[in-house]
Amino acid sequence: MRTAMGVWRWRRNPLRRPTDLFEAWVAFAAMVCVLVVAPAVGWVAGLRVDGTLQQAAHEQRQERHLVPAVVVRPAVDSAAGASADATAQRTAPHRTQIVAAWTAPDGSSHEGTVPAAEEPPLPGDRFRIWTDTHGRVVGQPLDPSAAVFHAGTAGLAAAISVAALVETVRRLVVRRLVHRRYMRLDRAWAAAGPDWGRAGAGS
């Protein structure tokens, strides 16, 4: 709203000061940046992030495989493991650790400790886990729709950041202009003040 009001300072007026016209141009430039530049920056940023994330998702889908696994036995909690996972347990829901066996896509057999897919885990239960080609347990690959969401969030954040930066610069410029106006007014009043209201002083 203040930016729009600043544009009105273009109107011809005998009381219009040079700083008023300059402020109008600053307001116009800020409005263009907020309405055009900021969305453009957000769009470009979103496209770049989306491209990077979609490529990562594609690579993960090529490198990660969902393989069948079978529960062997519950994992034995060790003191060292309990102390190392204390922080994680406070911030994430507890999942029972089990020893499972699985066959990697390359045909090699593996056995290791993984979180249970169901509670309570029973020996012989079958579930599926994500592994790489050599059978190492990995996380689930990034979903393309999640990549789009993250890219959109990044683009929106970039646009908002640019708009906020533009508005901050505009406010700083206007504040500087107002300060200069007050300084000029003080100097003019200091020059005219002693003669104000005196006969023959032209007041």
N, C-alpha and C. Protein backbone atom coordinates (compact mmCIF):
# COMPACT_ATOMS: atom_id res chain seq x y z
N MET A 1 0.84 -1.20 0.00
CA MET A 1 0.00 0.00 0.00
C MET A 1 0.87 1.25 0.00
N ARG A 2 1.92 1.25 0.83
CA ARG A 2 2.81 2.41 0.88
C ARG A 2 3.55 2.58 -0.44
N THR A 3 3.89 1.46 -1.09
CA THR A 3 4.55 1.54 -2.37
C THR A 3 3.65 2.18 -3.41
N ALA A 4 2.36 1.78 -3.42
CA ALA A 4 1.40 2.36 -4.35
C ALA A 4 1.22 3.85 -4.08
N MET A 5 1.18 4.24 -2.82
CA MET A 5 1.04 5.65 -2.48
C MET A 5 2.26 6.44 -2.95
N GLY A 6 3.45 5.78 -2.90
CA GLY A 6 4.65 6.47 -3.34
C GLY A 6 4.62 6.79 -4.82
N VAL A 7 3.98 5.91 -5.62
CA VAL A 7 3.89 6.16 -7.06
C VAL A 7 3.09 7.42 -7.34
N TRP A 8 2.11 7.74 -6.47
CA TRP A 8 1.28 8.93 -6.68
C TRP A 8 2.09 10.22 -6.57
N ARG A 9 3.31 10.12 -6.08
CA ARG A 9 4.13 11.33 -5.96
C ARG A 9 4.60 11.83 -7.33
N TRP A 10 4.31 11.07 -8.40
CA TRP A 10 4.60 11.55 -9.74
C TRP A 10 3.70 12.71 -10.15
N ARG A 11 2.56 12.86 -9.50
CA ARG A 11 1.62 13.89 -9.89
C ARG A 11 2.27 15.27 -9.80
N ARG A 12 1.95 16.10 -10.80
CA ARG A 12 2.51 17.47 -10.78
C ARG A 12 1.89 18.25 -9.63
N ASN A 13 2.75 18.93 -8.90
CA ASN A 13 2.31 19.68 -7.74
C ASN A 13 3.36 20.73 -7.44
N PRO A 14 2.97 21.96 -7.24
CA PRO A 14 3.97 23.01 -6.97
C PRO A 14 4.76 22.75 -5.70
N LEU A 15 4.22 21.93 -4.81
CA LEU A 15 4.94 21.62 -3.58
C LEU A 15 5.78 20.35 -3.68
N ARG A 16 5.78 19.71 -4.85
CA ARG A 16 6.54 18.48 -5.00
C ARG A 16 8.03 18.77 -4.98
N ARG A 17 8.74 18.03 -4.16
CA ARG A 17 10.18 18.18 -4.04
C ARG A 17 10.89 17.17 -4.92
N PRO A 18 12.18 17.40 -5.26
CA PRO A 18 12.93 16.41 -6.05
C PRO A 18 12.98 15.04 -5.37
N THR A 19 13.04 15.05 -4.04
CA THR A 19 13.08 13.76 -3.34
C THR A 19 11.75 13.01 -3.44
N ASP A 20 10.65 13.77 -3.63
CA ASP A 20 9.36 13.11 -3.82
C ASP A 20 9.35 12.32 -5.13
N LEU A 21 9.89 12.91 -6.18
CA LEU A 21 9.96 12.22 -7.46
C LEU A 21 10.88 11.01 -7.38
N PHE A 22 12.00 11.19 -6.70
CA PHE A 22 12.92 10.06 -6.53
C PHE A 22 12.26 8.93 -5.74
N GLU A 23 11.50 9.29 -4.71
CA GLU A 23 10.80 8.28 -3.93
C GLU A 23 9.77 7.55 -4.77
N ALA A 24 9.13 8.27 -5.70
CA ALA A 24 8.16 7.64 -6.59
C ALA A 24 8.83 6.61 -7.49
N TRP A 25 10.01 6.94 -7.99
CA TRP A 25 10.74 5.98 -8.83
C TRP A 25 11.19 4.77 -8.01
N VAL A 26 11.60 5.00 -6.79
CA VAL A 26 11.98 3.89 -5.92
C VAL A 26 10.78 2.97 -5.67
N ALA A 27 9.62 3.59 -5.43
CA ALA A 27 8.41 2.79 -5.20
C ALA A 27 8.03 1.99 -6.44
N PHE A 28 8.17 2.62 -7.61
CA PHE A 28 7.85 1.91 -8.86
C PHE A 28 8.80 0.75 -9.08
N ALA A 29 10.10 0.98 -8.87
CA ALA A 29 11.08 -0.10 -9.05
C ALA A 29 10.82 -1.24 -8.07
N ALA A 30 10.46 -0.90 -6.84
CA ALA A 30 10.17 -1.94 -5.85
C ALA A 30 8.94 -2.74 -6.25
N MET A 31 7.91 -2.06 -6.77
CA MET A 31 6.70 -2.75 -7.18
C MET A 31 6.97 -3.71 -8.34
N VAL A 32 7.80 -3.27 -9.30
CA VAL A 32 8.16 -4.14 -10.42
C VAL A 32 8.92 -5.36 -9.94
N CYS A 33 9.84 -5.13 -9.01
CA CYS A 33 10.62 -6.25 -8.48
C CYS A 33 9.74 -7.26 -7.74
N VAL A 34 8.80 -6.75 -6.96
CA VAL A 34 7.93 -7.65 -6.18
C VAL A 34 6.97 -8.41 -7.09
N LEU A 35 6.44 -7.73 -8.12
CA LEU A 35 5.44 -8.36 -8.98
C LEU A 35 6.03 -9.16 -10.13
N VAL A 36 7.25 -8.84 -10.54
CA VAL A 36 7.84 -9.50 -11.71
C VAL A 36 9.12 -10.25 -11.37
N VAL A 37 10.07 -9.54 -10.78
CA VAL A 37 11.38 -10.15 -10.54
C VAL A 37 11.31 -11.27 -9.51
N ALA A 38 10.63 -11.01 -8.39
CA ALA A 38 10.57 -12.03 -7.33
C ALA A 38 9.91 -13.33 -7.82
N PRO A 39 8.74 -13.27 -8.52
CA PRO A 39 8.18 -14.53 -9.04
C PRO A 39 9.09 -15.21 -10.05
N ALA A 40 9.80 -14.41 -10.88
CA ALA A 40 10.71 -15.00 -11.85
C ALA A 40 11.85 -15.73 -11.16
N VAL A 41 12.41 -15.10 -10.13
CA VAL A 41 13.49 -15.74 -9.37
C VAL A 41 12.98 -17.02 -8.71
N GLY A 42 11.78 -16.96 -8.13
CA GLY A 42 11.21 -18.15 -7.51
C GLY A 42 10.98 -19.27 -8.51
N TRP A 43 10.50 -18.89 -9.71
CA TRP A 43 10.25 -19.90 -10.75
C TRP A 43 11.55 -20.57 -11.18
N VAL A 44 12.59 -19.76 -11.43
CA VAL A 44 13.88 -20.32 -11.84
C VAL A 44 14.47 -21.19 -10.74
N ALA A 45 14.40 -20.71 -9.51
CA ALA A 45 14.94 -21.49 -8.38
C ALA A 45 14.20 -22.81 -8.24
N GLY A 46 12.86 -22.76 -8.37
CA GLY A 46 12.08 -23.99 -8.27
C GLY A 46 12.42 -24.98 -9.36
N LEU A 47 12.61 -24.48 -10.61
CA LEU A 47 12.97 -25.37 -11.71
C LEU A 47 14.33 -26.02 -11.48
N ARG A 48 15.29 -25.23 -10.99
CA ARG A 48 16.62 -25.77 -10.75
C ARG A 48 16.59 -26.84 -9.66
N VAL A 49 15.90 -26.54 -8.57
CA VAL A 49 15.81 -27.51 -7.47
C VAL A 49 15.07 -28.75 -7.93
N ASP A 50 13.99 -28.56 -8.68
CA ASP A 50 13.23 -29.71 -9.16
C ASP A 50 14.08 -30.59 -10.08
N GLY A 51 14.85 -29.95 -10.96
CA GLY A 51 15.73 -30.73 -11.84
C GLY A 51 16.74 -31.54 -11.07
N THR A 52 17.34 -30.91 -10.06
CA THR A 52 18.33 -31.62 -9.24
C THR A 52 17.71 -32.77 -8.47
N LEU A 53 16.55 -32.52 -7.86
CA LEU A 53 15.90 -33.56 -7.06
C LEU A 53 15.35 -34.68 -7.94
N GLN A 54 14.80 -34.34 -9.11
CA GLN A 54 14.29 -35.38 -9.99
C GLN A 54 15.42 -36.27 -10.50
N GLN A 55 16.57 -35.67 -10.77
CA GLN A 55 17.73 -36.47 -11.18
C GLN A 55 18.18 -37.39 -10.05
N ALA A 56 18.21 -36.83 -8.81
CA ALA A 56 18.58 -37.66 -7.66
C ALA A 56 17.58 -38.79 -7.45
N ALA A 57 16.29 -38.49 -7.62
CA ALA A 57 15.27 -39.52 -7.46
C ALA A 57 15.43 -40.61 -8.52
N HIS A 58 15.71 -40.20 -9.74
CA HIS A 58 15.91 -41.18 -10.82
C HIS A 58 17.12 -42.07 -10.52
N GLU A 59 18.22 -41.46 -10.09
CA GLU A 59 19.41 -42.25 -9.78
C GLU A 59 19.17 -43.20 -8.62
N GLN A 60 18.44 -42.73 -7.61
CA GLN A 60 18.15 -43.60 -6.47
C GLN A 60 17.26 -44.77 -6.89
N ARG A 61 16.29 -44.51 -7.77
CA ARG A 61 15.43 -45.62 -8.21
C ARG A 61 16.22 -46.64 -9.02
N GLN A 62 17.28 -46.19 -9.71
CA GLN A 62 18.10 -47.12 -10.46
C GLN A 62 19.05 -47.91 -9.57
N GLU A 63 19.47 -47.29 -8.46
CA GLU A 63 20.49 -47.90 -7.61
C GLU A 63 19.92 -48.66 -6.42
N ARG A 64 18.69 -48.39 -6.05
CA ARG A 64 18.10 -49.01 -4.86
C ARG A 64 17.01 -50.00 -5.26
N HIS A 65 16.95 -51.09 -4.52
CA HIS A 65 16.03 -52.17 -4.87
C HIS A 65 15.27 -52.63 -3.63
N LEU A 66 14.02 -52.98 -3.83
CA LEU A 66 13.17 -53.50 -2.76
C LEU A 66 13.26 -55.03 -2.80
N VAL A 67 13.91 -55.60 -1.77
CA VAL A 67 14.15 -57.05 -1.76
C VAL A 67 13.43 -57.68 -0.58
N PRO A 68 13.04 -58.96 -0.72
CA PRO A 68 12.39 -59.65 0.41
C PRO A 68 13.39 -60.02 1.49
N ALA A 69 12.96 -59.94 2.75
CA ALA A 69 13.79 -60.31 3.89
C ALA A 69 12.95 -61.13 4.85
N VAL A 70 13.60 -61.88 5.72
CA VAL A 70 12.90 -62.71 6.68
C VAL A 70 13.48 -62.46 8.07
N VAL A 71 12.61 -62.40 9.07
CA VAL A 71 13.04 -62.18 10.44
C VAL A 71 13.76 -63.44 10.95
N VAL A 72 14.97 -63.27 11.48
CA VAL A 72 15.73 -64.38 12.05
C VAL A 72 15.49 -64.46 13.55
N ARG A 73 15.70 -63.33 14.22
CA ARG A 73 15.52 -63.29 15.68
C ARG A 73 15.53 -61.83 16.11
N PRO A 74 15.04 -61.53 17.30
CA PRO A 74 15.15 -60.16 17.83
C PRO A 74 16.61 -59.81 18.07
N ALA A 75 16.96 -58.56 17.84
CA ALA A 75 18.32 -58.12 18.07
C ALA A 75 18.56 -57.97 19.56
N VAL A 76 19.76 -58.32 20.00
CA VAL A 76 20.14 -58.21 21.40
C VAL A 76 20.62 -56.78 21.64
N ASP A 77 19.94 -56.06 22.59
CA ASP A 77 20.34 -54.69 22.90
C ASP A 77 21.63 -54.71 23.69
N SER A 78 22.57 -53.94 23.22
CA SER A 78 23.85 -53.81 23.94
C SER A 78 23.90 -52.46 24.61
N ALA A 79 24.71 -52.35 25.65
CA ALA A 79 24.83 -51.09 26.38
C ALA A 79 25.37 -50.00 25.49
N ALA A 80 26.32 -50.39 24.63
CA ALA A 80 26.91 -49.39 23.74
C ALA A 80 25.88 -48.89 22.75
N GLY A 81 25.09 -49.84 22.20
CA GLY A 81 24.08 -49.44 21.23
C GLY A 81 23.01 -48.59 21.87
N ALA A 82 22.64 -48.92 23.13
CA ALA A 82 21.61 -48.15 23.81
C ALA A 82 22.06 -46.73 24.07
N SER A 83 23.33 -46.55 24.48
CA SER A 83 23.82 -45.21 24.75
C SER A 83 23.97 -44.41 23.46
N ALA A 84 24.36 -45.08 22.36
CA ALA A 84 24.55 -44.37 21.10
C ALA A 84 23.23 -43.93 20.51
N ASP A 85 22.16 -44.71 20.77
CA ASP A 85 20.86 -44.39 20.19
C ASP A 85 19.95 -43.63 21.14
N ALA A 86 20.47 -43.18 22.28
CA ALA A 86 19.61 -42.53 23.28
C ALA A 86 18.97 -41.27 22.72
N THR A 87 19.77 -40.47 22.01
CA THR A 87 19.23 -39.23 21.45
C THR A 87 18.19 -39.52 20.39
N ALA A 88 18.46 -40.47 19.51
CA ALA A 88 17.51 -40.80 18.44
C ALA A 88 16.20 -41.31 19.01
N GLN A 89 16.26 -42.07 20.09
CA GLN A 89 15.05 -42.62 20.68
C GLN A 89 14.17 -41.54 21.30
N ARG A 90 14.80 -40.45 21.75
CA ARG A 90 14.02 -39.36 22.35
C ARG A 90 13.31 -38.55 21.29
N THR A 91 13.84 -38.54 20.05
CA THR A 91 13.28 -37.69 19.00
C THR A 91 12.49 -38.46 17.96
N ALA A 92 12.54 -39.78 17.95
CA ALA A 92 11.83 -40.56 16.94
C ALA A 92 11.09 -41.71 17.60
N PRO A 93 9.97 -42.16 17.01
CA PRO A 93 9.24 -43.29 17.58
C PRO A 93 10.13 -44.53 17.63
N HIS A 94 10.00 -45.29 18.72
CA HIS A 94 10.83 -46.48 18.90
C HIS A 94 10.36 -47.60 17.98
N ARG A 95 11.29 -48.23 17.30
CA ARG A 95 11.00 -49.39 16.47
C ARG A 95 11.94 -50.52 16.90
N THR A 96 11.37 -51.71 17.08
CA THR A 96 12.13 -52.86 17.52
C THR A 96 13.17 -53.23 16.48
N GLN A 97 14.39 -53.46 16.95
CA GLN A 97 15.46 -53.90 16.07
C GLN A 97 15.47 -55.43 15.99
N ILE A 98 15.63 -55.94 14.79
CA ILE A 98 15.66 -57.39 14.59
C ILE A 98 16.85 -57.77 13.73
N VAL A 99 17.20 -59.03 13.79
CA VAL A 99 18.19 -59.58 12.88
C VAL A 99 17.43 -60.24 11.74
N ALA A 100 17.71 -59.80 10.52
CA ALA A 100 17.01 -60.32 9.35
C ALA A 100 18.01 -60.83 8.33
N ALA A 101 17.53 -61.67 7.45
CA ALA A 101 18.34 -62.21 6.37
C ALA A 101 17.69 -61.87 5.05
N TRP A 102 18.51 -61.56 4.04
CA TRP A 102 17.99 -61.22 2.73
C TRP A 102 19.02 -61.55 1.65
N THR A 103 18.54 -61.61 0.43
CA THR A 103 19.40 -61.87 -0.72
C THR A 103 19.46 -60.63 -1.58
N ALA A 104 20.68 -60.16 -1.87
CA ALA A 104 20.87 -58.94 -2.64
C ALA A 104 20.55 -59.17 -4.11
N PRO A 105 20.31 -58.10 -4.84
CA PRO A 105 20.06 -58.25 -6.29
C PRO A 105 21.20 -58.93 -7.03
N ASP A 106 22.43 -58.84 -6.51
CA ASP A 106 23.54 -59.52 -7.19
C ASP A 106 23.67 -60.98 -6.79
N GLY A 107 22.74 -61.48 -5.94
CA GLY A 107 22.73 -62.88 -5.57
C GLY A 107 23.43 -63.21 -4.27
N SER A 108 24.09 -62.23 -3.66
CA SER A 108 24.79 -62.50 -2.40
C SER A 108 23.82 -62.50 -1.23
N SER A 109 24.11 -63.32 -0.20
CA SER A 109 23.26 -63.42 0.99
C SER A 109 23.79 -62.51 2.08
N HIS A 110 22.85 -61.93 2.82
CA HIS A 110 23.24 -60.98 3.87
C HIS A 110 22.38 -61.22 5.10
N GLU A 111 22.93 -60.82 6.24
CA GLU A 111 22.22 -60.88 7.50
C GLU A 111 22.66 -59.68 8.33
N GLY A 112 21.71 -58.98 8.91
CA GLY A 112 22.05 -57.80 9.68
C GLY A 112 20.89 -57.32 10.51
N THR A 113 21.15 -56.27 11.28
CA THR A 113 20.15 -55.69 12.17
C THR A 113 19.43 -54.56 11.46
N VAL A 114 18.11 -54.66 11.42
CA VAL A 114 17.28 -53.65 10.76
C VAL A 114 16.06 -53.39 11.62
N PRO A 115 15.36 -52.26 11.43
CA PRO A 115 14.11 -52.02 12.17
C PRO A 115 13.03 -52.99 11.72
N ALA A 116 12.21 -53.42 12.66
CA ALA A 116 11.12 -54.35 12.34
C ALA A 116 10.04 -53.64 11.54
N ALA A 117 9.50 -54.36 10.56
CA ALA A 117 8.43 -53.79 9.75
C ALA A 117 7.10 -53.82 10.48
N GLU A 118 6.89 -54.81 11.35
CA GLU A 118 5.65 -54.94 12.10
C GLU A 118 5.96 -55.23 13.56
N GLU A 119 5.00 -54.91 14.42
CA GLU A 119 5.13 -55.17 15.85
C GLU A 119 4.03 -56.14 16.28
N PRO A 120 4.34 -57.20 17.05
CA PRO A 120 5.70 -57.62 17.40
C PRO A 120 6.31 -58.46 16.29
N PRO A 121 7.63 -58.37 16.06
CA PRO A 121 8.26 -59.19 15.03
C PRO A 121 8.38 -60.64 15.50
N LEU A 122 8.08 -61.57 14.61
CA LEU A 122 8.18 -62.99 14.93
C LEU A 122 9.15 -63.65 13.97
N PRO A 123 9.97 -64.58 14.45
CA PRO A 123 10.90 -65.30 13.56
C PRO A 123 10.14 -65.95 12.42
N GLY A 124 10.65 -65.78 11.23
CA GLY A 124 10.01 -66.34 10.05
C GLY A 124 9.12 -65.36 9.32
N ASP A 125 8.77 -64.23 9.95
CA ASP A 125 7.96 -63.22 9.26
C ASP A 125 8.73 -62.65 8.07
N ARG A 126 8.02 -62.41 7.00
CA ARG A 126 8.64 -61.88 5.80
C ARG A 126 8.22 -60.42 5.60
N PHE A 127 9.16 -59.62 5.15
CA PHE A 127 8.91 -58.21 4.84
C PHE A 127 9.91 -57.80 3.76
N ARG A 128 9.86 -56.55 3.36
CA ARG A 128 10.77 -56.09 2.31
C ARG A 128 11.57 -54.88 2.80
N ILE A 129 12.80 -54.81 2.34
CA ILE A 129 13.68 -53.71 2.72
C ILE A 129 14.36 -53.16 1.46
N TRP A 130 14.81 -51.92 1.57
CA TRP A 130 15.53 -51.29 0.45
C TRP A 130 17.02 -51.54 0.62
N THR A 131 17.66 -52.01 -0.45
CA THR A 131 19.10 -52.24 -0.45
C THR A 131 19.68 -51.73 -1.76
N ASP A 132 21.02 -51.58 -1.78
CA ASP A 132 21.67 -51.29 -3.05
C ASP A 132 21.95 -52.59 -3.79
N THR A 133 22.65 -52.52 -4.88
CA THR A 133 22.89 -53.71 -5.70
C THR A 133 23.66 -54.77 -4.94
N HIS A 134 24.53 -54.36 -4.02
CA HIS A 134 25.37 -55.30 -3.28
C HIS A 134 24.75 -55.73 -1.96
N GLY A 135 23.52 -55.32 -1.68
CA GLY A 135 22.83 -55.80 -0.50
C GLY A 135 22.94 -54.93 0.73
N ARG A 136 23.60 -53.78 0.63
CA ARG A 136 23.69 -52.88 1.78
C ARG A 136 22.35 -52.17 1.98
N VAL A 137 21.90 -52.11 3.22
CA VAL A 137 20.61 -51.48 3.52
C VAL A 137 20.70 -49.98 3.29
N VAL A 138 19.74 -49.45 2.56
CA VAL A 138 19.70 -48.02 2.26
C VAL A 138 18.28 -47.50 2.52
N GLY A 139 18.11 -46.20 2.46
CA GLY A 139 16.80 -45.61 2.66
C GLY A 139 15.94 -45.70 1.41
N GLN A 140 14.67 -45.44 1.58
CA GLN A 140 13.75 -45.46 0.45
C GLN A 140 14.09 -44.36 -0.53
N PRO A 141 14.07 -44.64 -1.84
CA PRO A 141 14.40 -43.59 -2.82
C PRO A 141 13.41 -42.44 -2.76
N LEU A 142 13.90 -41.28 -3.15
CA LEU A 142 13.07 -40.07 -3.13
C LEU A 142 11.92 -40.21 -4.12
N ASP A 143 10.73 -39.88 -3.65
CA ASP A 143 9.54 -39.96 -4.49
C ASP A 143 9.48 -38.72 -5.40
N PRO A 144 9.18 -38.88 -6.70
CA PRO A 144 9.12 -37.72 -7.61
C PRO A 144 8.14 -36.65 -7.15
N SER A 145 6.99 -37.05 -6.60
CA SER A 145 6.02 -36.06 -6.12
C SER A 145 6.57 -35.27 -4.93
N ALA A 146 7.34 -35.95 -4.07
CA ALA A 146 7.98 -35.25 -2.95
C ALA A 146 9.02 -34.27 -3.46
N ALA A 147 9.72 -34.65 -4.54
CA ALA A 147 10.70 -33.74 -5.14
C ALA A 147 10.02 -32.48 -5.67
N VAL A 148 8.85 -32.65 -6.30
CA VAL A 148 8.10 -31.50 -6.81
C VAL A 148 7.68 -30.59 -5.66
N PHE A 149 7.23 -31.19 -4.57
CA PHE A 149 6.80 -30.39 -3.41
C PHE A 149 7.98 -29.60 -2.84
N HIS A 150 9.13 -30.26 -2.67
CA HIS A 150 10.30 -29.56 -2.13
C HIS A 150 10.77 -28.46 -3.08
N ALA A 151 10.70 -28.72 -4.38
CA ALA A 151 11.09 -27.70 -5.35
C ALA A 151 10.15 -26.50 -5.28
N GLY A 152 8.84 -26.77 -5.17
CA GLY A 152 7.89 -25.67 -5.04
C GLY A 152 8.11 -24.86 -3.78
N THR A 153 8.42 -25.55 -2.68
CA THR A 153 8.71 -24.84 -1.43
C THR A 153 9.95 -23.97 -1.57
N ALA A 154 10.98 -24.52 -2.22
CA ALA A 154 12.22 -23.75 -2.42
C ALA A 154 11.97 -22.53 -3.30
N GLY A 155 11.18 -22.70 -4.37
CA GLY A 155 10.87 -21.57 -5.23
C GLY A 155 10.08 -20.49 -4.51
N LEU A 156 9.10 -20.91 -3.71
CA LEU A 156 8.30 -19.95 -2.95
C LEU A 156 9.17 -19.21 -1.95
N ALA A 157 10.07 -19.94 -1.29
CA ALA A 157 10.96 -19.29 -0.32
C ALA A 157 11.88 -18.29 -1.01
N ALA A 158 12.36 -18.63 -2.21
CA ALA A 158 13.23 -17.71 -2.94
C ALA A 158 12.47 -16.45 -3.34
N ALA A 159 11.23 -16.60 -3.81
CA ALA A 159 10.43 -15.44 -4.20
C ALA A 159 10.14 -14.54 -3.01
N ILE A 160 9.78 -15.14 -1.89
CA ILE A 160 9.49 -14.36 -0.68
C ILE A 160 10.74 -13.64 -0.20
N SER A 161 11.89 -14.32 -0.29
CA SER A 161 13.14 -13.70 0.16
C SER A 161 13.49 -12.48 -0.70
N VAL A 162 13.32 -12.61 -2.02
CA VAL A 162 13.60 -11.48 -2.90
C VAL A 162 12.65 -10.32 -2.61
N ALA A 163 11.36 -10.64 -2.45
CA ALA A 163 10.38 -9.58 -2.16
C ALA A 163 10.70 -8.90 -0.84
N ALA A 164 11.08 -9.68 0.17
CA ALA A 164 11.42 -9.09 1.47
C ALA A 164 12.66 -8.22 1.36
N LEU A 165 13.65 -8.67 0.58
CA LEU A 165 14.86 -7.87 0.40
C LEU A 165 14.55 -6.56 -0.31
N VAL A 166 13.71 -6.63 -1.34
CA VAL A 166 13.34 -5.40 -2.06
C VAL A 166 12.61 -4.43 -1.15
N GLU A 167 11.67 -4.93 -0.35
CA GLU A 167 10.93 -4.06 0.55
C GLU A 167 11.85 -3.46 1.61
N THR A 168 12.81 -4.24 2.08
CA THR A 168 13.76 -3.72 3.07
C THR A 168 14.59 -2.59 2.48
N VAL A 169 15.08 -2.79 1.25
CA VAL A 169 15.87 -1.74 0.59
C VAL A 169 15.02 -0.50 0.37
N ARG A 170 13.77 -0.68 -0.06
CA ARG A 170 12.89 0.47 -0.27
C ARG A 170 12.69 1.26 1.02
N ARG A 171 12.45 0.54 2.12
CA ARG A 171 12.24 1.23 3.39
C ARG A 171 13.49 1.99 3.83
N LEU A 172 14.66 1.39 3.60
CA LEU A 172 15.90 2.07 3.97
C LEU A 172 16.10 3.34 3.15
N VAL A 173 15.80 3.26 1.83
CA VAL A 173 15.94 4.44 0.98
C VAL A 173 14.97 5.52 1.40
N VAL A 174 13.71 5.15 1.64
CA VAL A 174 12.71 6.14 2.06
C VAL A 174 13.10 6.75 3.41
N ARG A 175 13.60 5.93 4.30
CA ARG A 175 14.02 6.46 5.60
C ARG A 175 15.14 7.47 5.44
N ARG A 176 16.07 7.17 4.52
CA ARG A 176 17.17 8.11 4.26
C ARG A 176 16.64 9.40 3.66
N LEU A 177 15.68 9.29 2.75
CA LEU A 177 15.09 10.49 2.14
C LEU A 177 14.38 11.34 3.18
N VAL A 178 13.63 10.71 4.06
CA VAL A 178 12.93 11.46 5.11
C VAL A 178 13.92 12.15 6.02
N HIS A 179 15.02 11.47 6.33
CA HIS A 179 16.05 12.07 7.18
C HIS A 179 16.64 13.31 6.50
N ARG A 180 16.90 13.24 5.20
CA ARG A 180 17.44 14.39 4.48
C ARG A 180 16.44 15.54 4.45
N ARG A 181 15.14 15.22 4.32
CA ARG A 181 14.12 16.28 4.32
C ARG A 181 14.10 17.01 5.65
N TYR A 182 14.17 16.26 6.73
CA TYR A 182 14.19 16.90 8.05
C TYR A 182 15.44 17.76 8.24
N MET A 183 16.57 17.28 7.72
CA MET A 183 17.79 18.07 7.83
C MET A 183 17.66 19.39 7.07
N ARG A 184 17.09 19.33 5.86
CA ARG A 184 16.89 20.55 5.09
C ARG A 184 15.90 21.48 5.79
N LEU A 185 14.85 20.90 6.35
CA LEU A 185 13.87 21.73 7.06
C LEU A 185 14.50 22.40 8.27
N ASP A 186 15.35 21.67 8.99
CA ASP A 186 16.03 22.26 10.14
C ASP A 186 16.94 23.40 9.73
N ARG A 187 17.64 23.21 8.61
CA ARG A 187 18.53 24.28 8.15
C ARG A 187 17.73 25.50 7.70
N ALA A 188 16.60 25.25 7.01
CA ALA A 188 15.76 26.37 6.57
C ALA A 188 15.15 27.10 7.75
N TRP A 189 14.76 26.35 8.76
CA TRP A 189 14.16 26.99 9.94
C TRP A 189 15.22 27.75 10.73
N ALA A 190 16.43 27.20 10.78
CA ALA A 190 17.50 27.91 11.49
C ALA A 190 17.82 29.23 10.81
N ALA A 191 17.68 29.28 9.47
CA ALA A 191 17.96 30.52 8.75
C ALA A 191 16.82 31.53 8.89
N ALA A 192 15.57 31.05 8.88
CA ALA A 192 14.42 31.96 8.92
C ALA A 192 13.88 32.19 10.32
N GLY A 193 14.18 31.33 11.24
CA GLY A 193 13.62 31.40 12.58
C GLY A 193 13.88 32.70 13.31
N PRO A 194 15.12 33.22 13.33
CA PRO A 194 15.37 34.46 14.09
C PRO A 194 14.55 35.65 13.62
N ASP A 195 14.20 35.69 12.32
CA ASP A 195 13.44 36.82 11.78
C ASP A 195 11.95 36.55 11.68
N TRP A 196 11.53 35.39 12.18
CA TRP A 196 10.11 35.01 12.03
C TRP A 196 9.21 35.97 12.83
N GLY A 197 8.27 36.64 12.11
CA GLY A 197 7.29 37.51 12.77
C GLY A 197 7.77 38.92 13.03
N ARG A 198 9.02 39.21 12.69
CA ARG A 198 9.53 40.56 12.95
C ARG A 198 9.08 41.49 11.83
N ALA A 199 8.80 42.74 12.19
CA ALA A 199 8.35 43.75 11.19
C ALA A 199 9.48 44.01 10.22
N GLY A 200 9.13 44.05 8.94
CA GLY A 200 10.12 44.34 7.91
C GLY A 200 10.97 43.15 7.54
N ALA A 201 10.67 41.96 8.09
CA ALA A 201 11.48 40.78 7.77
C ALA A 201 10.90 40.00 6.60
N GLY A 202 9.79 40.52 6.06
CA GLY A 202 9.17 39.85 4.91
C GLY A 202 8.26 38.72 5.31
N SER A 203 7.93 38.58 6.58
CA SER A 203 7.06 37.50 7.02
C SER A 203 5.62 37.95 6.94
